[in-house]
Amino acid sequence: MELMKLRPFIPSGEDYPLAQRFFEDLGFEKVYSDSGLSIFRLGEQEFFLQNFHNEEFQSNYMVELLVADLDAWWTHIQKNIRDKRYPIKFKEPTLYPWGKREIHLIDPAGVCWHIAESR
């Protein structure tokens, strides 16, 4: 068996256009969009942004994004996301007991992104 790609469906929360802008500002390219679904890509990685809102689900959904340079991502978040007044939360790069250095970012829908250094 050969796996070609895994593309998660990420809920947008109640404001689909806001979520689209957020992910574009985060650095993803929107390669397709309609009223119910958008496809975002960065390099070879993609995800579906689904126009879907369920607060209980969103606040319990997590995604891990492995990156080569965590400090560059932190600088990018500080520079391109922080002052845009998105309803988000984030925590600076931290080394956790499980051995990964991560940024925790809660997106506009409440999804927790673990942005971690790939080792």
N, C-alpha and C. Protein backbone atom coordinates (compact mmCIF):
# COMPACT_ATOMS: atom_id res chain seq x y z
N MET A 1 0.85 -1.18 0.00
CA MET A 1 0.00 0.00 0.00
C MET A 1 0.89 1.24 0.00
N GLU A 2 0.51 2.19 -0.82
CA GLU A 2 1.26 3.44 -0.91
C GLU A 2 0.35 4.60 -0.58
N LEU A 3 0.79 5.46 0.32
CA LEU A 3 0.03 6.65 0.69
C LEU A 3 0.55 7.82 -0.12
N MET A 4 -0.33 8.55 -0.77
CA MET A 4 0.07 9.69 -1.59
C MET A 4 -0.05 11.01 -0.84
N LYS A 5 -1.13 11.18 -0.08
CA LYS A 5 -1.33 12.44 0.62
C LYS A 5 -2.46 12.28 1.62
N LEU A 6 -2.37 12.99 2.72
CA LEU A 6 -3.44 13.04 3.71
C LEU A 6 -3.85 14.51 3.82
N ARG A 7 -5.11 14.81 3.56
CA ARG A 7 -5.58 16.19 3.59
C ARG A 7 -6.75 16.31 4.57
N PRO A 8 -6.50 16.88 5.74
CA PRO A 8 -7.58 17.01 6.73
C PRO A 8 -8.60 18.07 6.32
N PHE A 9 -9.80 17.91 6.84
CA PHE A 9 -10.86 18.90 6.70
C PHE A 9 -10.88 19.71 7.99
N ILE A 10 -10.61 21.00 7.87
CA ILE A 10 -10.54 21.90 9.01
C ILE A 10 -11.82 22.75 9.03
N PRO A 11 -12.53 22.81 10.15
CA PRO A 11 -13.73 23.64 10.20
C PRO A 11 -13.37 25.12 10.22
N SER A 12 -14.19 25.92 9.54
CA SER A 12 -13.94 27.36 9.47
C SER A 12 -14.45 28.12 10.68
N GLY A 13 -15.40 27.54 11.39
CA GLY A 13 -16.10 28.30 12.41
C GLY A 13 -17.21 29.10 11.76
N GLU A 14 -17.79 30.01 12.51
CA GLU A 14 -18.97 30.71 12.01
C GLU A 14 -18.66 31.74 10.94
N ASP A 15 -17.40 32.18 10.78
CA ASP A 15 -17.06 33.20 9.80
C ASP A 15 -16.08 32.62 8.77
N TYR A 16 -16.65 32.00 7.74
CA TYR A 16 -15.86 31.35 6.68
C TYR A 16 -14.91 32.33 5.98
N PRO A 17 -15.38 33.53 5.55
CA PRO A 17 -14.45 34.47 4.90
C PRO A 17 -13.29 34.90 5.82
N LEU A 18 -13.56 35.08 7.09
CA LEU A 18 -12.50 35.44 8.05
C LEU A 18 -11.47 34.31 8.14
N ALA A 19 -11.93 33.08 8.21
CA ALA A 19 -11.02 31.94 8.28
C ALA A 19 -10.17 31.85 7.02
N GLN A 20 -10.76 32.11 5.86
CA GLN A 20 -9.99 32.10 4.62
C GLN A 20 -8.88 33.15 4.65
N ARG A 21 -9.21 34.37 5.06
CA ARG A 21 -8.20 35.45 5.16
C ARG A 21 -7.10 35.07 6.14
N PHE A 22 -7.48 34.48 7.27
CA PHE A 22 -6.50 34.09 8.28
C PHE A 22 -5.47 33.12 7.70
N PHE A 23 -5.93 32.09 7.03
CA PHE A 23 -4.98 31.10 6.51
C PHE A 23 -4.14 31.67 5.37
N GLU A 24 -4.69 32.58 4.60
CA GLU A 24 -3.86 33.26 3.58
C GLU A 24 -2.78 34.10 4.27
N ASP A 25 -3.15 34.84 5.31
CA ASP A 25 -2.17 35.65 6.05
C ASP A 25 -1.14 34.77 6.75
N LEU A 26 -1.56 33.56 7.12
CA LEU A 26 -0.62 32.63 7.76
C LEU A 26 0.41 32.11 6.76
N GLY A 27 0.12 32.24 5.46
CA GLY A 27 1.09 31.86 4.45
C GLY A 27 0.64 30.79 3.48
N PHE A 28 -0.58 30.31 3.65
CA PHE A 28 -1.11 29.29 2.74
C PHE A 28 -1.70 29.95 1.50
N GLU A 29 -1.60 29.26 0.38
CA GLU A 29 -2.19 29.73 -0.87
C GLU A 29 -3.56 29.07 -1.03
N LYS A 30 -4.57 29.88 -1.31
CA LYS A 30 -5.91 29.33 -1.59
C LYS A 30 -5.94 28.94 -3.06
N VAL A 31 -6.00 27.64 -3.33
CA VAL A 31 -5.94 27.15 -4.71
C VAL A 31 -7.31 26.84 -5.30
N TYR A 32 -8.32 26.78 -4.43
CA TYR A 32 -9.70 26.57 -4.87
C TYR A 32 -10.61 27.07 -3.77
N SER A 33 -11.77 27.62 -4.18
CA SER A 33 -12.74 28.04 -3.18
C SER A 33 -14.12 28.14 -3.79
N ASP A 34 -15.10 27.69 -3.01
CA ASP A 34 -16.50 27.94 -3.32
C ASP A 34 -17.19 28.25 -1.99
N SER A 35 -18.49 28.26 -1.96
CA SER A 35 -19.20 28.67 -0.74
C SER A 35 -19.12 27.65 0.39
N GLY A 36 -18.67 26.45 0.11
CA GLY A 36 -18.64 25.43 1.14
C GLY A 36 -17.28 24.86 1.47
N LEU A 37 -16.30 25.09 0.57
CA LEU A 37 -15.01 24.43 0.74
C LEU A 37 -13.91 25.22 0.05
N SER A 38 -12.77 25.31 0.69
CA SER A 38 -11.57 25.89 0.09
C SER A 38 -10.43 24.91 0.26
N ILE A 39 -9.51 24.92 -0.69
CA ILE A 39 -8.30 24.11 -0.58
C ILE A 39 -7.13 25.07 -0.41
N PHE A 40 -6.35 24.83 0.64
CA PHE A 40 -5.18 25.65 0.93
C PHE A 40 -3.94 24.79 0.79
N ARG A 41 -2.87 25.41 0.27
CA ARG A 41 -1.63 24.69 0.01
C ARG A 41 -0.44 25.55 0.44
N LEU A 42 0.55 24.86 0.97
CA LEU A 42 1.85 25.46 1.22
C LEU A 42 2.88 24.37 0.92
N GLY A 43 3.68 24.60 -0.10
CA GLY A 43 4.59 23.55 -0.56
C GLY A 43 3.79 22.38 -1.06
N GLU A 44 4.09 21.20 -0.56
CA GLU A 44 3.38 19.98 -0.97
C GLU A 44 2.20 19.66 -0.04
N GLN A 45 2.02 20.45 1.01
CA GLN A 45 0.99 20.15 2.00
C GLN A 45 -0.30 20.90 1.68
N GLU A 46 -1.43 20.23 1.89
CA GLU A 46 -2.73 20.83 1.62
C GLU A 46 -3.72 20.46 2.73
N PHE A 47 -4.72 21.31 2.88
CA PHE A 47 -5.86 20.98 3.72
C PHE A 47 -7.10 21.61 3.13
N PHE A 48 -8.25 21.04 3.50
CA PHE A 48 -9.55 21.58 3.11
C PHE A 48 -10.06 22.45 4.25
N LEU A 49 -10.47 23.66 3.94
CA LEU A 49 -11.17 24.50 4.91
C LEU A 49 -12.65 24.36 4.59
N GLN A 50 -13.36 23.78 5.51
CA GLN A 50 -14.78 23.49 5.31
C GLN A 50 -15.63 24.57 5.96
N ASN A 51 -16.60 25.10 5.23
CA ASN A 51 -17.53 26.08 5.78
C ASN A 51 -18.46 25.33 6.73
N PHE A 52 -17.97 25.15 7.95
CA PHE A 52 -18.65 24.31 8.94
C PHE A 52 -18.41 24.91 10.32
N HIS A 53 -19.46 24.97 11.12
CA HIS A 53 -19.35 25.52 12.46
C HIS A 53 -20.03 24.58 13.46
N ASN A 54 -19.24 24.06 14.37
CA ASN A 54 -19.73 23.28 15.50
C ASN A 54 -18.73 23.53 16.62
N GLU A 55 -19.08 24.41 17.52
CA GLU A 55 -18.15 24.88 18.54
C GLU A 55 -17.54 23.76 19.37
N GLU A 56 -18.33 22.78 19.76
CA GLU A 56 -17.81 21.68 20.57
C GLU A 56 -16.75 20.89 19.79
N PHE A 57 -17.03 20.61 18.53
CA PHE A 57 -16.06 19.89 17.70
C PHE A 57 -14.79 20.71 17.51
N GLN A 58 -14.95 21.98 17.14
CA GLN A 58 -13.81 22.85 16.84
C GLN A 58 -12.89 23.01 18.04
N SER A 59 -13.45 23.15 19.21
CA SER A 59 -12.63 23.37 20.39
C SER A 59 -11.92 22.09 20.87
N ASN A 60 -12.24 20.97 20.23
CA ASN A 60 -11.58 19.70 20.57
C ASN A 60 -10.75 19.15 19.42
N TYR A 61 -10.63 19.91 18.34
CA TYR A 61 -9.92 19.45 17.15
C TYR A 61 -8.50 20.01 17.17
N MET A 62 -7.51 19.16 16.88
CA MET A 62 -6.11 19.58 16.86
C MET A 62 -5.43 19.07 15.60
N VAL A 63 -4.47 19.84 15.14
CA VAL A 63 -3.69 19.48 13.96
C VAL A 63 -2.23 19.74 14.28
N GLU A 64 -1.35 18.83 13.85
CA GLU A 64 0.08 19.06 13.98
C GLU A 64 0.63 19.44 12.62
N LEU A 65 1.37 20.54 12.58
CA LEU A 65 2.02 21.02 11.38
C LEU A 65 3.52 21.01 11.65
N LEU A 66 4.25 20.11 10.98
CA LEU A 66 5.69 20.02 11.18
C LEU A 66 6.39 20.95 10.20
N VAL A 67 7.31 21.77 10.73
CA VAL A 67 8.00 22.77 9.92
C VAL A 67 9.52 22.63 10.10
N ALA A 68 10.26 23.13 9.14
CA ALA A 68 11.72 23.05 9.20
C ALA A 68 12.31 24.10 10.13
N ASP A 69 11.71 25.28 10.19
CA ASP A 69 12.27 26.40 10.96
C ASP A 69 11.17 27.04 11.81
N LEU A 70 11.04 26.58 13.04
CA LEU A 70 10.00 27.07 13.93
C LEU A 70 10.16 28.55 14.24
N ASP A 71 11.39 29.00 14.39
CA ASP A 71 11.61 30.42 14.69
C ASP A 71 11.16 31.32 13.54
N ALA A 72 11.33 30.86 12.31
CA ALA A 72 10.85 31.63 11.15
C ALA A 72 9.32 31.70 11.17
N TRP A 73 8.66 30.61 11.54
CA TRP A 73 7.20 30.63 11.67
C TRP A 73 6.76 31.59 12.77
N TRP A 74 7.47 31.58 13.88
CA TRP A 74 7.13 32.48 14.99
C TRP A 74 7.27 33.94 14.54
N THR A 75 8.35 34.25 13.84
CA THR A 75 8.55 35.61 13.32
C THR A 75 7.43 35.98 12.37
N HIS A 76 7.06 35.05 11.49
CA HIS A 76 5.98 35.29 10.53
C HIS A 76 4.65 35.55 11.24
N ILE A 77 4.34 34.76 12.25
CA ILE A 77 3.09 34.95 13.01
C ILE A 77 3.11 36.32 13.68
N GLN A 78 4.22 36.68 14.29
CA GLN A 78 4.34 37.98 14.96
C GLN A 78 4.13 39.13 13.97
N LYS A 79 4.71 38.98 12.79
CA LYS A 79 4.72 40.04 11.79
C LYS A 79 3.42 40.14 10.99
N ASN A 80 2.83 39.00 10.64
CA ASN A 80 1.70 38.98 9.70
C ASN A 80 0.34 38.64 10.30
N ILE A 81 0.32 38.16 11.52
CA ILE A 81 -0.95 37.73 12.12
C ILE A 81 -1.31 38.55 13.36
N ARG A 82 -0.34 38.82 14.19
CA ARG A 82 -0.58 39.42 15.51
C ARG A 82 -1.45 40.67 15.47
N ASP A 83 -1.18 41.60 14.58
CA ASP A 83 -1.87 42.89 14.58
C ASP A 83 -3.10 42.95 13.69
N LYS A 84 -3.55 41.83 13.16
CA LYS A 84 -4.71 41.83 12.26
C LYS A 84 -6.03 41.67 13.00
N ARG A 85 -5.96 41.57 14.30
CA ARG A 85 -7.16 41.45 15.15
C ARG A 85 -8.01 40.23 14.85
N TYR A 86 -7.34 39.13 14.53
CA TYR A 86 -8.05 37.87 14.40
C TYR A 86 -8.41 37.36 15.79
N PRO A 87 -9.54 36.67 15.93
CA PRO A 87 -9.90 36.09 17.23
C PRO A 87 -9.11 34.80 17.46
N ILE A 88 -7.84 34.96 17.75
CA ILE A 88 -6.95 33.80 17.91
C ILE A 88 -6.17 33.94 19.21
N LYS A 89 -5.53 32.85 19.59
CA LYS A 89 -4.59 32.83 20.72
C LYS A 89 -3.37 32.09 20.24
N PHE A 90 -2.21 32.47 20.75
CA PHE A 90 -1.01 31.73 20.42
C PHE A 90 -0.01 31.84 21.55
N LYS A 91 0.85 30.83 21.60
CA LYS A 91 1.88 30.75 22.62
C LYS A 91 3.22 30.56 21.93
N GLU A 92 4.22 31.31 22.39
CA GLU A 92 5.55 31.30 21.79
C GLU A 92 6.15 29.89 21.77
N PRO A 93 7.19 29.71 20.94
CA PRO A 93 7.83 28.39 20.89
C PRO A 93 8.28 27.94 22.27
N THR A 94 7.89 26.72 22.60
CA THR A 94 8.18 26.14 23.91
C THR A 94 8.60 24.69 23.71
N LEU A 95 9.60 24.27 24.47
CA LEU A 95 10.02 22.87 24.45
C LEU A 95 9.16 22.12 25.47
N TYR A 96 8.44 21.12 25.01
CA TYR A 96 7.51 20.38 25.86
C TYR A 96 8.15 19.07 26.32
N PRO A 97 7.63 18.50 27.43
CA PRO A 97 8.20 17.27 28.00
C PRO A 97 8.22 16.10 27.02
N TRP A 98 7.35 16.11 26.02
CA TRP A 98 7.33 15.01 25.05
C TRP A 98 8.42 15.17 23.99
N GLY A 99 9.27 16.20 24.15
CA GLY A 99 10.46 16.32 23.32
C GLY A 99 10.33 17.19 22.10
N LYS A 100 9.19 17.82 21.91
CA LYS A 100 9.01 18.69 20.75
C LYS A 100 8.96 20.16 21.18
N ARG A 101 9.55 20.97 20.34
CA ARG A 101 9.44 22.42 20.49
C ARG A 101 8.31 22.86 19.59
N GLU A 102 7.31 23.56 20.15
CA GLU A 102 6.07 23.86 19.43
C GLU A 102 5.57 25.26 19.70
N ILE A 103 4.87 25.79 18.71
CA ILE A 103 4.01 26.96 18.87
C ILE A 103 2.59 26.42 18.95
N HIS A 104 1.82 26.86 19.90
CA HIS A 104 0.41 26.49 19.95
C HIS A 104 -0.38 27.69 19.47
N LEU A 105 -1.20 27.47 18.44
CA LEU A 105 -2.00 28.54 17.85
C LEU A 105 -3.44 28.06 17.77
N ILE A 106 -4.33 28.82 18.37
CA ILE A 106 -5.77 28.53 18.28
C ILE A 106 -6.32 29.42 17.17
N ASP A 107 -6.80 28.80 16.10
CA ASP A 107 -7.27 29.57 14.94
C ASP A 107 -8.64 30.21 15.21
N PRO A 108 -9.17 31.00 14.27
CA PRO A 108 -10.45 31.70 14.51
C PRO A 108 -11.62 30.78 14.85
N ALA A 109 -11.58 29.52 14.44
CA ALA A 109 -12.67 28.59 14.76
C ALA A 109 -12.49 27.93 16.11
N GLY A 110 -11.27 28.00 16.67
CA GLY A 110 -10.99 27.34 17.94
C GLY A 110 -10.16 26.08 17.79
N VAL A 111 -9.74 25.76 16.56
CA VAL A 111 -8.90 24.59 16.31
C VAL A 111 -7.49 24.88 16.81
N CYS A 112 -6.90 23.93 17.51
CA CYS A 112 -5.55 24.09 18.04
C CYS A 112 -4.54 23.50 17.06
N TRP A 113 -3.66 24.36 16.56
CA TRP A 113 -2.58 23.96 15.67
C TRP A 113 -1.31 23.83 16.49
N HIS A 114 -0.70 22.66 16.45
CA HIS A 114 0.61 22.44 17.06
C HIS A 114 1.63 22.60 15.93
N ILE A 115 2.26 23.74 15.88
CA ILE A 115 3.29 23.99 14.86
C ILE A 115 4.61 23.61 15.50
N ALA A 116 5.22 22.55 14.99
CA ALA A 116 6.37 21.95 15.66
C ALA A 116 7.55 21.80 14.71
N GLU A 117 8.74 21.85 15.30
CA GLU A 117 9.94 21.60 14.51
C GLU A 117 9.99 20.13 14.12
N SER A 118 10.29 19.91 12.85
CA SER A 118 10.47 18.55 12.36
C SER A 118 11.87 18.10 12.71
N ARG A 119 11.99 16.99 13.39
CA ARG A 119 13.32 16.48 13.80
C ARG A 119 13.53 15.12 13.26
